[in-house]
C-alpha cells in the first residue's frame, strides 16, 4: 500500500495536477495587468521544470520501442 503512494504513475498524476494549477495561475496573472512580473516569471519557470519532470517520468514509464 505504501509503495503505491510513491509509484511513478502516481507521481506523474501529481505533477500533471500541479502543472495544470500553475497554468491557471499564470493565465490569471497574465489577465491581471497589475501582476508582479517577477512572480509571473517564477511561475513560468516552475511550470517548465514540472513539464521536464513529467516528460522524464513518461519516458521512464514507456521506454522507446526497439527499431
N, C-alpha and C. Protein backbone atom coordinates (compact mmCIF):
# COMPACT_ATOMS: atom_id res chain seq x y z
N UNK A 1 0.83 -1.20 0.00
CA UNK A 1 0.00 0.00 0.00
C UNK A 1 0.87 1.25 0.00
N UNK A 2 1.91 1.26 0.84
CA UNK A 2 2.79 2.41 0.92
C UNK A 2 3.57 2.60 -0.38
N UNK A 3 3.87 1.48 -1.07
CA UNK A 3 4.58 1.57 -2.35
C UNK A 3 3.78 2.33 -3.37
N UNK A 4 2.47 2.20 -3.34
CA UNK A 4 1.60 2.88 -4.29
C UNK A 4 1.65 4.39 -4.12
N UNK A 5 1.91 4.86 -2.90
CA UNK A 5 1.98 6.29 -2.64
C UNK A 5 3.20 6.93 -3.31
N UNK A 6 4.22 6.13 -3.60
CA UNK A 6 5.45 6.64 -4.17
C UNK A 6 5.71 6.09 -5.57
N UNK A 7 4.69 5.56 -6.21
CA UNK A 7 4.87 4.98 -7.53
C UNK A 7 5.01 6.08 -8.59
N UNK A 8 5.66 5.73 -9.69
CA UNK A 8 5.83 6.70 -10.78
C UNK A 8 4.51 7.15 -11.38
N UNK A 9 3.56 6.25 -11.63
CA UNK A 9 2.28 6.73 -12.18
C UNK A 9 1.58 7.73 -11.25
N UNK A 10 1.66 7.49 -9.96
CA UNK A 10 1.04 8.43 -9.01
C UNK A 10 1.77 9.77 -9.03
N UNK A 11 3.09 9.73 -9.06
CA UNK A 11 3.89 10.96 -9.12
C UNK A 11 3.57 11.74 -10.40
N UNK A 12 3.37 11.01 -11.50
CA UNK A 12 3.04 11.65 -12.77
C UNK A 12 1.69 12.38 -12.67
N UNK A 13 0.73 11.77 -12.04
CA UNK A 13 -0.58 12.41 -11.84
C UNK A 13 -0.44 13.66 -11.00
N UNK A 14 0.33 13.58 -9.92
CA UNK A 14 0.52 14.74 -9.05
C UNK A 14 1.18 15.89 -9.80
N UNK A 15 2.20 15.58 -10.61
CA UNK A 15 2.89 16.61 -11.37
C UNK A 15 1.97 17.25 -12.42
N UNK A 16 1.14 16.44 -13.05
CA UNK A 16 0.19 16.97 -14.05
C UNK A 16 -0.82 17.90 -13.39
N UNK A 17 -1.28 17.55 -12.20
CA UNK A 17 -2.22 18.40 -11.48
C UNK A 17 -1.56 19.72 -11.11
N UNK A 18 -0.34 19.64 -10.60
CA UNK A 18 0.38 20.87 -10.24
C UNK A 18 0.64 21.74 -11.47
N UNK A 19 0.96 21.10 -12.59
CA UNK A 19 1.20 21.83 -13.84
C UNK A 19 -0.08 22.55 -14.28
N UNK A 20 -1.21 21.87 -14.20
CA UNK A 20 -2.49 22.48 -14.58
C UNK A 20 -2.83 23.64 -13.65
N UNK A 21 -2.56 23.48 -12.36
CA UNK A 21 -2.79 24.56 -11.41
C UNK A 21 -1.94 25.78 -11.75
N UNK A 22 -0.69 25.54 -12.11
CA UNK A 22 0.20 26.65 -12.49
C UNK A 22 -0.29 27.32 -13.76
N UNK A 23 -0.80 26.54 -14.71
CA UNK A 23 -1.38 27.11 -15.92
C UNK A 23 -2.48 28.10 -15.58
N UNK A 24 -3.35 27.70 -14.67
CA UNK A 24 -4.45 28.58 -14.26
C UNK A 24 -3.92 29.84 -13.58
N UNK A 25 -2.96 29.69 -12.69
CA UNK A 25 -2.38 30.85 -12.01
C UNK A 25 -1.73 31.81 -13.00
N UNK A 26 -1.00 31.26 -13.95
CA UNK A 26 -0.32 32.09 -14.94
C UNK A 26 -1.34 32.81 -15.82
N UNK A 27 -2.40 32.11 -16.21
CA UNK A 27 -3.45 32.75 -17.02
C UNK A 27 -4.08 33.91 -16.26
N UNK A 28 -4.39 33.69 -14.99
CA UNK A 28 -5.00 34.76 -14.20
C UNK A 28 -4.04 35.92 -13.99
N UNK A 29 -2.77 35.62 -13.76
CA UNK A 29 -1.77 36.67 -13.54
C UNK A 29 -1.54 37.47 -14.82
N UNK A 30 -1.64 36.81 -15.97
CA UNK A 30 -1.45 37.50 -17.25
C UNK A 30 -2.61 38.44 -17.53
N UNK A 31 -3.82 38.03 -17.20
CA UNK A 31 -5.00 38.88 -17.40
C UNK A 31 -4.95 40.09 -16.47
N UNK A 32 -4.46 39.87 -15.27
CA UNK A 32 -4.36 40.95 -14.29
C UNK A 32 -3.18 41.85 -14.68
N UNK A 33 -3.49 43.03 -15.21
CA UNK A 33 -2.45 43.94 -15.71
C UNK A 33 -1.52 44.41 -14.60
N UNK A 34 -1.98 44.41 -13.37
CA UNK A 34 -1.16 44.88 -12.26
C UNK A 34 -0.33 43.77 -11.63
N UNK A 35 -0.22 42.63 -12.31
CA UNK A 35 0.51 41.49 -11.76
C UNK A 35 2.00 41.75 -11.64
N UNK A 36 2.61 41.07 -10.72
CA UNK A 36 4.04 41.19 -10.47
C UNK A 36 4.80 40.39 -11.53
N UNK A 37 5.63 41.07 -12.32
CA UNK A 37 6.36 40.42 -13.41
C UNK A 37 7.33 39.35 -12.89
N UNK A 38 7.98 39.61 -11.77
CA UNK A 38 8.92 38.65 -11.20
C UNK A 38 8.19 37.37 -10.78
N UNK A 39 7.07 37.52 -10.14
CA UNK A 39 6.28 36.36 -9.72
C UNK A 39 5.82 35.56 -10.93
N UNK A 40 5.42 36.25 -11.98
CA UNK A 40 4.98 35.59 -13.19
C UNK A 40 6.12 34.79 -13.82
N UNK A 41 7.30 35.35 -13.86
CA UNK A 41 8.46 34.63 -14.41
C UNK A 41 8.79 33.41 -13.57
N UNK A 42 8.67 33.52 -12.26
CA UNK A 42 8.93 32.38 -11.37
C UNK A 42 7.91 31.26 -11.59
N UNK A 43 6.65 31.65 -11.75
CA UNK A 43 5.61 30.65 -12.02
C UNK A 43 5.89 29.93 -13.34
N UNK A 44 6.27 30.68 -14.35
CA UNK A 44 6.56 30.08 -15.65
C UNK A 44 7.76 29.15 -15.58
N UNK A 45 8.77 29.54 -14.82
CA UNK A 45 9.96 28.69 -14.66
C UNK A 45 9.59 27.40 -13.94
N UNK A 46 8.79 27.50 -12.90
CA UNK A 46 8.34 26.31 -12.16
C UNK A 46 7.52 25.40 -13.07
N UNK A 47 6.66 25.99 -13.90
CA UNK A 47 5.85 25.20 -14.83
C UNK A 47 6.74 24.45 -15.82
N UNK A 48 7.78 25.11 -16.30
CA UNK A 48 8.71 24.48 -17.23
C UNK A 48 9.46 23.32 -16.56
N UNK A 49 9.88 23.50 -15.32
CA UNK A 49 10.54 22.42 -14.58
C UNK A 49 9.61 21.22 -14.40
N UNK A 50 8.34 21.52 -14.11
CA UNK A 50 7.36 20.44 -13.97
C UNK A 50 7.18 19.69 -15.28
N UNK A 51 7.13 20.45 -16.39
CA UNK A 51 6.98 19.82 -17.70
C UNK A 51 8.15 18.88 -17.99
N UNK A 52 9.35 19.29 -17.62
CA UNK A 52 10.53 18.44 -17.80
C UNK A 52 10.44 17.17 -16.95
N UNK A 53 10.00 17.32 -15.71
CA UNK A 53 9.85 16.15 -14.84
C UNK A 53 8.79 15.20 -15.39
N UNK A 54 7.69 15.76 -15.88
CA UNK A 54 6.62 14.95 -16.46
C UNK A 54 7.17 14.16 -17.66
N UNK A 55 7.92 14.84 -18.51
CA UNK A 55 8.48 14.18 -19.69
C UNK A 55 9.43 13.05 -19.31
N UNK A 56 10.26 13.28 -18.29
CA UNK A 56 11.19 12.24 -17.84
C UNK A 56 10.45 11.01 -17.32
N UNK A 57 9.42 11.23 -16.53
CA UNK A 57 8.66 10.10 -15.98
C UNK A 57 7.92 9.38 -17.09
N UNK A 58 7.33 10.11 -18.03
CA UNK A 58 6.64 9.47 -19.14
C UNK A 58 7.60 8.60 -19.95
N UNK A 59 8.81 9.09 -20.18
CA UNK A 59 9.82 8.31 -20.92
C UNK A 59 10.22 7.07 -20.13
N UNK A 60 10.29 7.20 -18.83
CA UNK A 60 10.68 6.06 -18.00
C UNK A 60 9.58 5.01 -17.96
N UNK A 61 8.33 5.45 -17.96
CA UNK A 61 7.21 4.51 -17.91
C UNK A 61 6.97 3.84 -19.27
N UNK A 62 7.29 4.55 -20.36
CA UNK A 62 7.10 4.00 -21.70
C UNK A 62 8.38 4.12 -22.49
N UNK A 63 9.33 3.21 -22.26
CA UNK A 63 10.60 3.30 -22.99
C UNK A 63 10.38 3.14 -24.48
N UNK A 64 11.26 3.72 -25.29
CA UNK A 64 11.08 3.63 -26.75
C UNK A 64 11.16 2.18 -27.23
N UNK A 65 10.40 1.90 -28.28
CA UNK A 65 10.40 0.57 -28.87
C UNK A 65 11.69 0.35 -29.66
N UNK A 66 12.25 -0.84 -29.60
CA UNK A 66 13.46 -1.11 -30.40
C UNK A 66 13.16 -1.03 -31.89
N UNK A 67 14.14 -0.59 -32.65
CA UNK A 67 13.95 -0.40 -34.10
C UNK A 67 13.92 -1.71 -34.84
